[in-house]
């Protein structure tokens, strides 16, 4: 479990890459050591978005930095969007608390709660690392070849991270990693060219739904701006808000919207053009407000049972998605409650 936690921190470029890679690496070991798969899914989900949020070399950082820098209040105070994002990182309380709780869980210093406790009881009584409902996700065991080795995994991952950081272009890092995989795998017949291309197309296809979701969110944000929705809302709610409570309210708003819709990035694109000008109107703290928005997005990614990160975590761990969501909810909501109390 601690190895899963450490790997989840080391693979910080993207939460999808993090979740899928660590899940594939650790699933067999969990089965061998008789640790419930629910705990693996919880660790995957808890080190996905929270880790990416806290490091300025990730897809999350690039996305939020660009959104923030489009706002007048932010670009008047910071030299770049990434500079604004880096200033907000120390105040992103939800990711810090979520990571601290999952570390305590890995070390056995945090109690097993609710459905997670029942999962451990199941393993103790039956030896089954996953439930009857999750059997259908584990019918076809992967076939491993003797020809592969750990370098087939490490070389593309290290190059992806290194090129992404050095160039500032994560997409370039991905392209380099794909080419390196092609060179490593196809000539040695680890996979055929047809299998390689099918896997690449499948990976691209899995991102299309997110692409369309973001296009829709940005379009809605532009429509709201054109209609003057931001100014209208500021005029209505300003008499009822205080600068001190605004970061906590921002966290709560985005957390609820992301949880309901399952679209943490989409909701961020919609609410940032509203919340940042509102913060300016209240003379609020823009750094705390940015951090609260980022934390709310991370909570939505972590807590919603049909968001992309949660679905990927359960799939990667080979368990039913609702079982994963229910087993991690007590820990997720404890983290959110602590954030809300502290920010208020």
C-alpha atoms as a PDB file:
ATOM      1  CA  UNK A   1       0.000   0.000   0.000  1.00  0.00           C
ATOM      2  CA  UNK A   2       2.828   2.389   0.803  1.00  0.00           C
ATOM      3  CA  UNK A   3       4.489   1.481  -2.528  1.00  0.00           C
ATOM      4  CA  UNK A   4       1.218   2.388  -4.296  1.00  0.00           C
ATOM      5  CA  UNK A   5       1.186   5.714  -2.462  1.00  0.00           C
ATOM      6  CA  UNK A   6       4.800   6.486  -3.431  1.00  0.00           C
ATOM      7  CA  UNK A   7       4.257   5.495  -7.082  1.00  0.00           C
ATOM      8  CA  UNK A   8       1.133   7.672  -7.127  1.00  0.00           C
ATOM      9  CA  UNK A   9       3.265  10.651  -6.126  1.00  0.00           C
ATOM     10  CA  UNK A  10       6.122   9.918  -8.549  1.00  0.00           C
ATOM     11  CA  UNK A  11       3.829   9.694 -11.599  1.00  0.00           C
ATOM     12  CA  UNK A  12       2.512  13.233 -11.288  1.00  0.00           C
ATOM     13  CA  UNK A  13       2.175  14.474 -14.874  1.00  0.00           C
ATOM     14  CA  UNK A  14      -1.447  13.399 -15.325  1.00  0.00           C
ATOM     15  CA  UNK A  15      -4.014  11.735 -13.085  1.00  0.00           C
ATOM     16  CA  UNK A  16      -5.167   9.315 -15.828  1.00  0.00           C
ATOM     17  CA  UNK A  17      -1.597   8.166 -16.424  1.00  0.00           C
ATOM     18  CA  UNK A  18      -1.083   7.908 -12.669  1.00  0.00           C
ATOM     19  CA  UNK A  19      -4.176   5.806 -11.977  1.00  0.00           C
ATOM     20  CA  UNK A  20      -3.814   3.413 -14.920  1.00  0.00           C
ATOM     21  CA  UNK A  21      -0.084   2.850 -14.477  1.00  0.00           C
ATOM     22  CA  UNK A  22      -0.087   2.215 -10.725  1.00  0.00           C
ATOM     23  CA  UNK A  23      -3.194   0.026 -10.940  1.00  0.00           C
ATOM     24  CA  UNK A  24      -1.610  -2.264 -13.542  1.00  0.00           C
ATOM     25  CA  UNK A  25       1.647  -2.443 -11.575  1.00  0.00           C
ATOM     26  CA  UNK A  26       0.167  -3.185  -8.143  1.00  0.00           C
ATOM     27  CA  UNK A  27      -3.010  -5.238  -8.685  1.00  0.00           C
ATOM     28  CA  UNK A  28      -1.269  -8.609  -8.758  1.00  0.00           C
ATOM     29  CA  UNK A  29       0.728  -7.795  -5.640  1.00  0.00           C
ATOM     30  CA  UNK A  30      -2.431  -6.880  -3.710  1.00  0.00           C
ATOM     31  CA  UNK A  31      -3.929 -10.241  -4.645  1.00  0.00           C
ATOM     32  CA  UNK A  32      -0.783 -12.079  -3.569  1.00  0.00           C
ATOM     33  CA  UNK A  33      -0.681 -10.283  -0.211  1.00  0.00           C
ATOM     34  CA  UNK A  34      -4.459 -10.617   0.315  1.00  0.00           C
ATOM     35  CA  UNK A  35      -5.156  -6.881   0.513  1.00  0.00           C
ATOM     36  CA  UNK A  36      -8.652  -5.863  -0.674  1.00  0.00           C
ATOM     37  CA  UNK A  37      -8.797  -4.270  -4.102  1.00  0.00           C
ATOM     38  CA  UNK A  38     -11.014  -1.539  -2.619  1.00  0.00           C
ATOM     39  CA  UNK A  39      -7.978  -0.178  -0.778  1.00  0.00           C
ATOM     40  CA  UNK A  40      -5.980  -0.094  -4.034  1.00  0.00           C
ATOM     41  CA  UNK A  41      -8.759   1.851  -5.796  1.00  0.00           C
ATOM     42  CA  UNK A  42      -8.918   4.292  -2.870  1.00  0.00           C
ATOM     43  CA  UNK A  43      -5.157   4.893  -2.990  1.00  0.00           C
ATOM     44  CA  UNK A  44      -5.222   5.295  -6.784  1.00  0.00           C
ATOM     45  CA  UNK A  45      -8.010   7.865  -6.639  1.00  0.00           C
ATOM     46  CA  UNK A  46      -6.460   9.702  -3.682  1.00  0.00           C
ATOM     47  CA  UNK A  47      -3.068  10.106  -5.358  1.00  0.00           C
ATOM     48  CA  UNK A  48      -4.467  10.945  -8.807  1.00  0.00           C
ATOM     49  CA  UNK A  49      -5.945  14.433  -8.901  1.00  0.00           C
ATOM     50  CA  UNK A  50      -4.604  15.518  -5.447  1.00  0.00           C
ATOM     51  CA  UNK A  51      -0.979  14.909  -6.509  1.00  0.00           C
ATOM     52  CA  UNK A  52      -1.438  16.550  -9.934  1.00  0.00           C
ATOM     53  CA  UNK A  53      -2.972  19.616  -8.286  1.00  0.00           C
ATOM     54  CA  UNK A  54       0.016  20.168  -5.992  1.00  0.00           C
ATOM     55  CA  UNK A  55       2.739  20.067  -8.666  1.00  0.00           C
ATOM     56  CA  UNK A  56       3.046  22.772 -11.369  1.00  0.00           C
ATOM     57  CA  UNK A  57       4.179  20.286 -14.047  1.00  0.00           C
ATOM     58  CA  UNK A  58       0.845  18.557 -14.533  1.00  0.00           C
ATOM     59  CA  UNK A  59      -2.102  18.792 -16.901  1.00  0.00           C
ATOM     60  CA  UNK A  60      -4.158  20.234 -14.033  1.00  0.00           C
ATOM     61  CA  UNK A  61      -1.654  23.053 -13.461  1.00  0.00           C
ATOM     62  CA  UNK A  62      -1.593  24.035 -17.148  1.00  0.00           C
ATOM     63  CA  UNK A  63      -5.392  23.973 -17.381  1.00  0.00           C
ATOM     64  CA  UNK A  64      -6.046  26.099 -14.281  1.00  0.00           C
ATOM     65  CA  UNK A  65      -3.148  28.472 -14.930  1.00  0.00           C
ATOM     66  CA  UNK A  66      -4.627  29.407 -18.316  1.00  0.00           C
ATOM     67  CA  UNK A  67      -8.128  29.852 -16.881  1.00  0.00           C
ATOM     68  CA  UNK A  68      -6.915  32.082 -14.068  1.00  0.00           C
ATOM     69  CA  UNK A  69      -4.728  34.263 -16.271  1.00  0.00           C
ATOM     70  CA  UNK A  70      -7.702  35.136 -18.469  1.00  0.00           C
ATOM     71  CA  UNK A  71      -9.113  37.090 -15.516  1.00  0.00           C
ATOM     72  CA  UNK A  72      -8.171  40.764 -15.088  1.00  0.00           C
ATOM     73  CA  UNK A  73      -7.683  40.500 -11.304  1.00  0.00           C
ATOM     74  CA  UNK A  74      -5.146  37.699 -11.756  1.00  0.00           C
ATOM     75  CA  UNK A  75      -3.116  38.999 -14.706  1.00  0.00           C
ATOM     76  CA  UNK A  76      -2.817  42.390 -13.027  1.00  0.00           C
ATOM     77  CA  UNK A  77      -1.087  40.824 -10.001  1.00  0.00           C
ATOM     78  CA  UNK A  78       0.978  37.988 -11.489  1.00  0.00           C
ATOM     79  CA  UNK A  79       3.459  37.773 -14.346  1.00  0.00           C
ATOM     80  CA  UNK A  80       1.927  34.587 -15.707  1.00  0.00           C
ATOM     81  CA  UNK A  81      -0.867  32.130 -15.089  1.00  0.00           C
ATOM     82  CA  UNK A  82       1.620  29.554 -13.800  1.00  0.00           C
ATOM     83  CA  UNK A  83       3.008  32.087 -11.332  1.00  0.00           C
ATOM     84  CA  UNK A  84      -0.518  32.641  -9.994  1.00  0.00           C
ATOM     85  CA  UNK A  85      -1.063  28.886  -9.773  1.00  0.00           C
ATOM     86  CA  UNK A  86       2.200  28.325  -7.873  1.00  0.00           C
ATOM     87  CA  UNK A  87       1.224  31.012  -5.348  1.00  0.00           C
ATOM     88  CA  UNK A  88      -2.080  29.201  -4.769  1.00  0.00           C
ATOM     89  CA  UNK A  89      -0.586  25.715  -4.246  1.00  0.00           C
ATOM     90  CA  UNK A  90       0.294  26.119  -0.521  1.00  0.00           C
ATOM     91  CA  UNK A  91      -3.357  26.958   0.188  1.00  0.00           C
ATOM     92  CA  UNK A  92      -4.871  23.993  -1.690  1.00  0.00           C
ATOM     93  CA  UNK A  93      -5.943  22.375   1.548  1.00  0.00           C
ATOM     94  CA  UNK A  94      -8.092  19.546   0.193  1.00  0.00           C
ATOM     95  CA  UNK A  95      -5.297  17.783  -1.749  1.00  0.00           C
ATOM     96  CA  UNK A  96      -2.933  18.077   1.224  1.00  0.00           C
ATOM     97  CA  UNK A  97      -5.483  16.654   3.655  1.00  0.00           C
ATOM     98  CA  UNK A  98      -6.583  13.889   1.261  1.00  0.00           C
ATOM     99  CA  UNK A  99      -2.958  12.796   0.757  1.00  0.00           C
ATOM    100  CA  UNK A 100      -2.258  12.918   4.487  1.00  0.00           C
ATOM    101  CA  UNK A 101      -5.290  10.753   5.253  1.00  0.00           C
ATOM    102  CA  UNK A 102      -4.410   8.171   2.593  1.00  0.00           C
ATOM    103  CA  UNK A 103      -0.834   8.048   3.925  1.00  0.00           C
ATOM    104  CA  UNK A 104      -2.171   7.357   7.433  1.00  0.00           C
ATOM    105  CA  UNK A 105      -4.443   4.702   5.894  1.00  0.00           C
ATOM    106  CA  UNK A 106      -1.503   3.028   4.128  1.00  0.00           C
ATOM    107  CA  UNK A 107       0.481   2.946   7.365  1.00  0.00           C
ATOM    108  CA  UNK A 108      -2.449   1.446   9.278  1.00  0.00           C
ATOM    109  CA  UNK A 109      -2.774   4.543  11.462  1.00  0.00           C
ATOM    110  CA  UNK A 110      -6.250   5.562  10.233  1.00  0.00           C
ATOM    111  CA  UNK A 111      -9.244   3.356  11.059  1.00  0.00           C
ATOM    112  CA  UNK A 112     -11.083   1.314   8.450  1.00  0.00           C
ATOM    113  CA  UNK A 113     -14.503   2.933   8.113  1.00  0.00           C
ATOM    114  CA  UNK A 114     -17.866   1.710   6.812  1.00  0.00           C
ATOM    115  CA  UNK A 115     -17.717  -0.311   3.585  1.00  0.00           C
ATOM    116  CA  UNK A 116     -13.894  -0.325   3.666  1.00  0.00           C
ATOM    117  CA  UNK A 117     -14.016  -2.126   7.029  1.00  0.00           C
ATOM    118  CA  UNK A 118     -16.410  -4.690   5.522  1.00  0.00           C
ATOM    119  CA  UNK A 119     -14.005  -5.231   2.608  1.00  0.00           C
ATOM    120  CA  UNK A 120     -11.210  -6.102   5.033  1.00  0.00           C
ATOM    121  CA  UNK A 121     -13.572  -8.402   6.931  1.00  0.00           C
ATOM    122  CA  UNK A 122     -14.452 -10.168   3.657  1.00  0.00           C
ATOM    123  CA  UNK A 123     -10.793 -10.845   2.909  1.00  0.00           C
ATOM    124  CA  UNK A 124     -10.195 -12.119   6.447  1.00  0.00           C
ATOM    125  CA  UNK A 125     -13.199 -14.463   6.296  1.00  0.00           C
ATOM    126  CA  UNK A 126     -13.158 -15.659   2.666  1.00  0.00           C
ATOM    127  CA  UNK A 127      -9.762 -14.723   1.215  1.00  0.00           C
ATOM    128  CA  UNK A 128     -11.516 -12.912  -1.674  1.00  0.00           C
ATOM    129  CA  UNK A 129      -9.748  -9.653  -2.521  1.00  0.00           C
ATOM    130  CA  UNK A 130     -12.800  -8.453  -4.455  1.00  0.00           C
ATOM    131  CA  UNK A 131     -16.529  -9.017  -4.043  1.00  0.00           C
ATOM    132  CA  UNK A 132     -18.950 -11.146  -6.039  1.00  0.00           C
ATOM    133  CA  UNK A 133     -20.112  -7.985  -7.842  1.00  0.00           C
ATOM    134  CA  UNK A 134     -16.553  -7.391  -9.077  1.00  0.00           C
ATOM    135  CA  UNK A 135     -15.939 -10.893 -10.420  1.00  0.00           C
ATOM    136  CA  UNK A 136     -17.013  -9.900 -13.914  1.00  0.00           C
ATOM    137  CA  UNK A 137     -14.131  -7.414 -14.078  1.00  0.00           C
ATOM    138  CA  UNK A 138     -11.574 -10.128 -13.370  1.00  0.00           C
ATOM    139  CA  UNK A 139     -12.663 -12.993 -15.626  1.00  0.00           C
ATOM    140  CA  UNK A 140      -9.876 -12.561 -18.174  1.00  0.00           C
ATOM    141  CA  UNK A 141      -6.477 -12.565 -16.514  1.00  0.00           C
ATOM    142  CA  UNK A 142      -3.711 -10.770 -18.442  1.00  0.00           C
ATOM    143  CA  UNK A 143      -1.173 -12.890 -20.299  1.00  0.00           C
ATOM    144  CA  UNK A 144       2.394 -11.903 -19.486  1.00  0.00           C
ATOM    145  CA  UNK A 145       5.320 -12.496 -21.818  1.00  0.00           C
ATOM    146  CA  UNK A 146       8.785 -13.544 -20.681  1.00  0.00           C
ATOM    147  CA  UNK A 147      10.336 -11.132 -23.178  1.00  0.00           C
ATOM    148  CA  UNK A 148       9.296  -7.910 -21.429  1.00  0.00           C
ATOM    149  CA  UNK A 149      11.101  -6.294 -18.504  1.00  0.00           C
ATOM    150  CA  UNK A 150      10.756  -3.362 -16.161  1.00  0.00           C
ATOM    151  CA  UNK A 151      12.677  -1.053 -18.540  1.00  0.00           C
ATOM    152  CA  UNK A 152       9.828  -1.355 -21.047  1.00  0.00           C
ATOM    153  CA  UNK A 153       7.756   0.469 -18.456  1.00  0.00           C
ATOM    154  CA  UNK A 154      10.333   2.845 -16.946  1.00  0.00           C
ATOM    155  CA  UNK A 155      11.912   4.267 -20.119  1.00  0.00           C
ATOM    156  CA  UNK A 156       8.668   5.637 -21.690  1.00  0.00           C
ATOM    157  CA  UNK A 157       7.380   6.954 -18.354  1.00  0.00           C
ATOM    158  CA  UNK A 158      10.645   8.734 -17.478  1.00  0.00           C
ATOM    159  CA  UNK A 159      10.885  10.244 -20.959  1.00  0.00           C
ATOM    160  CA  UNK A 160       7.259  11.394 -20.844  1.00  0.00           C
ATOM    161  CA  UNK A 161       7.839  13.222 -17.551  1.00  0.00           C
ATOM    162  CA  UNK A 162      11.271  14.608 -18.528  1.00  0.00           C
ATOM    163  CA  UNK A 163      10.219  15.893 -21.967  1.00  0.00           C
ATOM    164  CA  UNK A 164       6.966  17.297 -20.584  1.00  0.00           C
ATOM    165  CA  UNK A 165       8.803  19.286 -17.907  1.00  0.00           C
ATOM    166  CA  UNK A 166      11.742  20.370 -20.100  1.00  0.00           C
ATOM    167  CA  UNK A 167       9.600  21.581 -22.996  1.00  0.00           C
ATOM    168  CA  UNK A 168       6.595  22.750 -21.014  1.00  0.00           C
ATOM    169  CA  UNK A 169       4.465  20.780 -23.505  1.00  0.00           C
ATOM    170  CA  UNK A 170       2.907  17.663 -21.994  1.00  0.00           C
ATOM    171  CA  UNK A 171       1.534  16.646 -25.400  1.00  0.00           C
ATOM    172  CA  UNK A 172       5.089  16.560 -26.776  1.00  0.00           C
ATOM    173  CA  UNK A 173       6.079  14.296 -23.888  1.00  0.00           C
ATOM    174  CA  UNK A 174       3.193  11.962 -24.731  1.00  0.00           C
ATOM    175  CA  UNK A 175       4.173  11.822 -28.407  1.00  0.00           C
ATOM    176  CA  UNK A 176       7.807  11.057 -27.546  1.00  0.00           C
ATOM    177  CA  UNK A 177       6.680   8.291 -25.160  1.00  0.00           C
ATOM    178  CA  UNK A 178       4.447   6.743 -27.859  1.00  0.00           C
ATOM    179  CA  UNK A 179       7.307   6.717 -30.394  1.00  0.00           C
ATOM    180  CA  UNK A 180       9.653   5.164 -27.823  1.00  0.00           C
ATOM    181  CA  UNK A 181       7.047   2.487 -27.034  1.00  0.00           C
ATOM    182  CA  UNK A 182       6.789   1.731 -30.745  1.00  0.00           C
ATOM    183  CA  UNK A 183      10.582   1.295 -30.981  1.00  0.00           C
ATOM    184  CA  UNK A 184      10.742  -0.828 -27.823  1.00  0.00           C
ATOM    185  CA  UNK A 185       7.754  -3.109 -28.383  1.00  0.00           C
ATOM    186  CA  UNK A 186       7.116  -3.777 -32.078  1.00  0.00           C
ATOM    187  CA  UNK A 187      10.606  -4.874 -33.269  1.00  0.00           C
ATOM    188  CA  UNK A 188      10.825  -7.299 -30.313  1.00  0.00           C
ATOM    189  CA  UNK A 189       7.295  -8.574 -31.092  1.00  0.00           C
ATOM    190  CA  UNK A 190       5.954  -7.780 -27.638  1.00  0.00           C
ATOM    191  CA  UNK A 191       2.949  -6.475 -29.546  1.00  0.00           C
ATOM    192  CA  UNK A 192       2.232  -6.454 -33.262  1.00  0.00           C
ATOM    193  CA  UNK A 193       1.971  -3.213 -35.220  1.00  0.00           C
ATOM    194  CA  UNK A 194      -1.767  -3.791 -35.530  1.00  0.00           C
ATOM    195  CA  UNK A 195      -2.152  -4.221 -31.754  1.00  0.00           C
ATOM    196  CA  UNK A 196      -0.026  -1.139 -31.100  1.00  0.00           C
ATOM    197  CA  UNK A 197      -2.095   1.052 -33.429  1.00  0.00           C
ATOM    198  CA  UNK A 198      -5.352  -0.313 -31.999  1.00  0.00           C
ATOM    199  CA  UNK A 199      -4.204   0.515 -28.462  1.00  0.00           C
ATOM    200  CA  UNK A 200      -3.143   4.017 -29.508  1.00  0.00           C
ATOM    201  CA  UNK A 201      -6.486   4.693 -31.223  1.00  0.00           C
ATOM    202  CA  UNK A 202      -8.366   3.284 -28.230  1.00  0.00           C
ATOM    203  CA  UNK A 203      -6.466   5.598 -25.897  1.00  0.00           C
ATOM    204  CA  UNK A 204      -7.241   8.599 -28.091  1.00  0.00           C
ATOM    205  CA  UNK A 205     -10.908   7.582 -28.284  1.00  0.00           C
ATOM    206  CA  UNK A 206     -11.193   7.404 -24.486  1.00  0.00           C
ATOM    207  CA  UNK A 207     -10.289  11.113 -24.320  1.00  0.00           C
ATOM    208  CA  UNK A 208     -12.891  12.317 -26.833  1.00  0.00           C
ATOM    209  CA  UNK A 209     -15.734  12.532 -24.304  1.00  0.00           C
ATOM    210  CA  UNK A 210     -13.623  14.805 -22.101  1.00  0.00           C
ATOM    211  CA  UNK A 211     -12.682  16.907 -25.121  1.00  0.00           C
ATOM    212  CA  UNK A 212     -16.325  17.519 -26.047  1.00  0.00           C
ATOM    213  CA  UNK A 213     -17.213  18.185 -22.417  1.00  0.00           C
ATOM    214  CA  UNK A 214     -14.555  20.898 -22.195  1.00  0.00           C
ATOM    215  CA  UNK A 215     -15.608  22.442 -25.516  1.00  0.00           C
ATOM    216  CA  UNK A 216     -19.158  22.650 -24.172  1.00  0.00           C
ATOM    217  CA  UNK A 217     -17.986  24.153 -20.886  1.00  0.00           C
ATOM    218  CA  UNK A 218     -15.888  26.849 -22.567  1.00  0.00           C
ATOM    219  CA  UNK A 219     -18.749  27.642 -24.939  1.00  0.00           C
ATOM    220  CA  UNK A 220     -21.112  28.044 -21.987  1.00  0.00           C
ATOM    221  CA  UNK A 221     -18.583  30.278 -20.234  1.00  0.00           C
ATOM    222  CA  UNK A 222     -18.391  32.525 -23.331  1.00  0.00           C
ATOM    223  CA  UNK A 223     -22.196  32.681 -23.548  1.00  0.00           C
ATOM    224  CA  UNK A 224     -22.438  33.662 -19.859  1.00  0.00           C
ATOM    225  CA  UNK A 225     -19.827  36.363 -20.416  1.00  0.00           C
ATOM    226  CA  UNK A 226     -21.657  37.729 -23.450  1.00  0.00           C
ATOM    227  CA  UNK A 227     -24.938  37.883 -21.526  1.00  0.00           C
ATOM    228  CA  UNK A 228     -23.310  39.774 -18.664  1.00  0.00           C
ATOM    229  CA  UNK A 229     -24.127  37.001 -16.181  1.00  0.00           C
ATOM    230  CA  UNK A 230     -21.042  37.702 -14.058  1.00  0.00           C
ATOM    231  CA  UNK A 231     -21.930  41.344 -13.452  1.00  0.00           C
ATOM    232  CA  UNK A 232     -25.569  40.423 -12.781  1.00  0.00           C
ATOM    233  CA  UNK A 233     -24.678  37.820 -10.173  1.00  0.00           C
ATOM    234  CA  UNK A 234     -22.168  40.113  -8.466  1.00  0.00           C
ATOM    235  CA  UNK A 235     -24.845  42.810  -8.121  1.00  0.00           C
ATOM    236  CA  UNK A 236     -27.304  40.321  -6.591  1.00  0.00           C
ATOM    237  CA  UNK A 237     -25.084  38.460  -4.118  1.00  0.00           C
ATOM    238  CA  UNK A 238     -22.547  41.116  -3.105  1.00  0.00           C
ATOM    239  CA  UNK A 239     -24.669  42.473  -0.202  1.00  0.00           C
ATOM    240  CA  UNK A 240     -24.879  38.968   1.295  1.00  0.00           C
ATOM    241  CA  UNK A 241     -21.207  37.941   0.988  1.00  0.00           C
ATOM    242  CA  UNK A 242     -18.095  38.785   2.970  1.00  0.00           C
ATOM    243  CA  UNK A 243     -14.513  38.733   1.763  1.00  0.00           C
ATOM    244  CA  UNK A 244     -13.466  36.478   4.651  1.00  0.00           C
ATOM    245  CA  UNK A 245     -15.975  33.726   3.892  1.00  0.00           C
ATOM    246  CA  UNK A 246     -15.664  33.904   0.117  1.00  0.00           C
ATOM    247  CA  UNK A 247     -12.885  31.269  -0.314  1.00  0.00           C
ATOM    248  CA  UNK A 248     -14.873  28.741   1.741  1.00  0.00           C
ATOM    249  CA  UNK A 249     -18.002  29.476  -0.320  1.00  0.00           C
ATOM    250  CA  UNK A 250     -15.996  29.125  -3.550  1.00  0.00           C
ATOM    251  CA  UNK A 251     -14.737  25.716  -2.435  1.00  0.00           C
ATOM    252  CA  UNK A 252     -18.235  24.620  -1.469  1.00  0.00           C
ATOM    253  CA  UNK A 253     -19.783  25.839  -4.735  1.00  0.00           C
ATOM    254  CA  UNK A 254     -17.301  24.132  -7.039  1.00  0.00           C
ATOM    255  CA  UNK A 255     -17.228  20.970  -4.893  1.00  0.00           C
ATOM    256  CA  UNK A 256     -21.027  20.635  -5.109  1.00  0.00           C
ATOM    257  CA  UNK A 257     -21.179  21.425  -8.847  1.00  0.00           C
ATOM    258  CA  UNK A 258     -18.325  19.052  -9.706  1.00  0.00           C
ATOM    259  CA  UNK A 259     -19.838  16.312  -7.530  1.00  0.00           C
ATOM    260  CA  UNK A 260     -23.283  16.657  -9.121  1.00  0.00           C
ATOM    261  CA  UNK A 261     -22.128  16.954 -12.729  1.00  0.00           C
ATOM    262  CA  UNK A 262     -18.998  14.766 -12.623  1.00  0.00           C
ATOM    263  CA  UNK A 263     -17.228  17.516 -14.590  1.00  0.00           C
ATOM    264  CA  UNK A 264     -14.577  19.123 -12.416  1.00  0.00           C
ATOM    265  CA  UNK A 265     -12.720  20.752 -15.329  1.00  0.00           C
ATOM    266  CA  UNK A 266     -15.897  21.769 -17.115  1.00  0.00           C
ATOM    267  CA  UNK A 267     -17.405  23.378 -14.013  1.00  0.00           C
ATOM    268  CA  UNK A 268     -14.122  25.178 -13.308  1.00  0.00           C
ATOM    269  CA  UNK A 269     -14.220  26.708 -16.791  1.00  0.00           C
ATOM    270  CA  UNK A 270     -17.773  27.916 -16.117  1.00  0.00           C
ATOM    271  CA  UNK A 271     -17.414  29.324 -12.590  1.00  0.00           C
ATOM    272  CA  UNK A 272     -13.938  30.910 -12.668  1.00  0.00           C
ATOM    273  CA  UNK A 273     -15.094  33.837 -14.882  1.00  0.00           C
ATOM    274  CA  UNK A 274     -17.817  34.428 -12.275  1.00  0.00           C
ATOM    275  CA  UNK A 275     -15.976  33.822  -8.987  1.00  0.00           C
ATOM    276  CA  UNK A 276     -12.753  35.750  -9.688  1.00  0.00           C
ATOM    277  CA  UNK A 277     -14.529  39.028 -10.642  1.00  0.00           C
ATOM    278  CA  UNK A 278     -16.799  38.521  -7.613  1.00  0.00           C
ATOM    279  CA  UNK A 279     -13.683  38.173  -5.452  1.00  0.00           C
ATOM    280  CA  UNK A 280     -12.416  41.469  -6.886  1.00  0.00           C
ATOM    281  CA  UNK A 281     -15.729  43.198  -6.147  1.00  0.00           C
ATOM    282  CA  UNK A 282     -15.542  42.037  -2.512  1.00  0.00           C
ATOM    283  CA  UNK A 283     -11.841  42.965  -2.166  1.00  0.00           C
ATOM    284  CA  UNK A 284     -11.248  39.322  -1.264  1.00  0.00           C
ATOM    285  CA  UNK A 285      -8.032  37.341  -1.260  1.00  0.00           C
ATOM    286  CA  UNK A 286      -7.514  36.160  -4.849  1.00  0.00           C
ATOM    287  CA  UNK A 287      -4.852  33.569  -3.925  1.00  0.00           C
ATOM    288  CA  UNK A 288      -7.114  31.875  -1.370  1.00  0.00           C
ATOM    289  CA  UNK A 289     -10.008  31.994  -3.820  1.00  0.00           C
ATOM    290  CA  UNK A 290      -7.945  30.373  -6.587  1.00  0.00           C
ATOM    291  CA  UNK A 291      -6.780  27.686  -4.154  1.00  0.00           C
ATOM    292  CA  UNK A 292     -10.365  27.059  -3.043  1.00  0.00           C
ATOM    293  CA  UNK A 293     -11.483  26.634  -6.661  1.00  0.00           C
ATOM    294  CA  UNK A 294      -8.647  24.185  -7.372  1.00  0.00           C
ATOM    295  CA  UNK A 295      -9.458  22.261  -4.178  1.00  0.00           C
ATOM    296  CA  UNK A 296     -13.139  22.117  -5.093  1.00  0.00           C
ATOM    297  CA  UNK A 297     -12.267  20.678  -8.496  1.00  0.00           C
ATOM    298  CA  UNK A 298      -9.990  18.083  -6.894  1.00  0.00           C
ATOM    299  CA  UNK A 299     -12.779  17.110  -4.496  1.00  0.00           C
ATOM    300  CA  UNK A 300     -15.238  16.671  -7.373  1.00  0.00           C
ATOM    301  CA  UNK A 301     -12.769  14.473  -9.256  1.00  0.00           C
ATOM    302  CA  UNK A 302     -12.197  12.419  -6.117  1.00  0.00           C
ATOM    303  CA  UNK A 303     -15.712  12.106  -4.713  1.00  0.00           C
ATOM    304  CA  UNK A 304     -18.169  11.856  -7.612  1.00  0.00           C
ATOM    305  CA  UNK A 305     -18.894   8.207  -8.339  1.00  0.00           C
ATOM    306  CA  UNK A 306     -19.219   8.728 -12.115  1.00  0.00           C
ATOM    307  CA  UNK A 307     -16.381  11.167 -12.709  1.00  0.00           C
ATOM    308  CA  UNK A 308     -13.566  10.047 -14.998  1.00  0.00           C
ATOM    309  CA  UNK A 309     -10.932   9.608 -12.265  1.00  0.00           C
ATOM    310  CA  UNK A 310     -13.237   7.493 -10.082  1.00  0.00           C
ATOM    311  CA  UNK A 311     -14.271   5.249 -12.982  1.00  0.00           C
ATOM    312  CA  UNK A 312     -10.649   4.820 -14.080  1.00  0.00           C
ATOM    313  CA  UNK A 313      -9.569   4.009 -10.504  1.00  0.00           C
ATOM    314  CA  UNK A 314     -12.189   1.293 -10.110  1.00  0.00           C
ATOM    315  CA  UNK A 315     -11.467  -0.138 -13.571  1.00  0.00           C
ATOM    316  CA  UNK A 316      -7.727  -0.126 -12.965  1.00  0.00           C
ATOM    317  CA  UNK A 317      -8.192  -1.907  -9.614  1.00  0.00           C
ATOM    318  CA  UNK A 318     -10.676  -4.361 -11.147  1.00  0.00           C
ATOM    319  CA  UNK A 319     -13.640  -3.652  -8.878  1.00  0.00           C
ATOM    320  CA  UNK A 320     -17.197  -2.388  -9.233  1.00  0.00           C
ATOM    321  CA  UNK A 321     -17.336   1.394  -9.535  1.00  0.00           C
ATOM    322  CA  UNK A 322     -20.017   1.945  -6.877  1.00  0.00           C
ATOM    323  CA  UNK A 323     -18.123  -0.277  -4.436  1.00  0.00           C
ATOM    324  CA  UNK A 324     -15.065   1.896  -4.924  1.00  0.00           C
ATOM    325  CA  UNK A 325     -17.046   5.111  -4.467  1.00  0.00           C
ATOM    326  CA  UNK A 326     -18.777   3.908  -1.307  1.00  0.00           C
ATOM    327  CA  UNK A 327     -15.610   2.564   0.315  1.00  0.00           C
ATOM    328  CA  UNK A 328     -13.733   5.847  -0.174  1.00  0.00           C
ATOM    329  CA  UNK A 329     -16.564   8.286   0.628  1.00  0.00           C
ATOM    330  CA  UNK A 330     -16.011   8.367   4.425  1.00  0.00           C
ATOM    331  CA  UNK A 331     -12.389   9.442   3.902  1.00  0.00           C
ATOM    332  CA  UNK A 332     -13.259  11.900   1.125  1.00  0.00           C
ATOM    333  CA  UNK A 333     -15.981  13.661   3.111  1.00  0.00           C
ATOM    334  CA  UNK A 334     -13.820  13.830   6.243  1.00  0.00           C
ATOM    335  CA  UNK A 335     -11.187  15.633   4.139  1.00  0.00           C
ATOM    336  CA  UNK A 336     -13.782  18.012   2.669  1.00  0.00           C
ATOM    337  CA  UNK A 337     -15.263  18.784   6.104  1.00  0.00           C
ATOM    338  CA  UNK A 338     -11.813  19.655   7.440  1.00  0.00           C
ATOM    339  CA  UNK A 339     -11.164  21.946   4.461  1.00  0.00           C
ATOM    340  CA  UNK A 340     -14.491  23.754   4.839  1.00  0.00           C
ATOM    341  CA  UNK A 341     -13.944  24.276   8.557  1.00  0.00           C
ATOM    342  CA  UNK A 342     -10.383  25.520   8.097  1.00  0.00           C
ATOM    343  CA  UNK A 343     -11.122  27.885   5.210  1.00  0.00           C
ATOM    344  CA  UNK A 344     -14.110  29.360   7.028  1.00  0.00           C
END
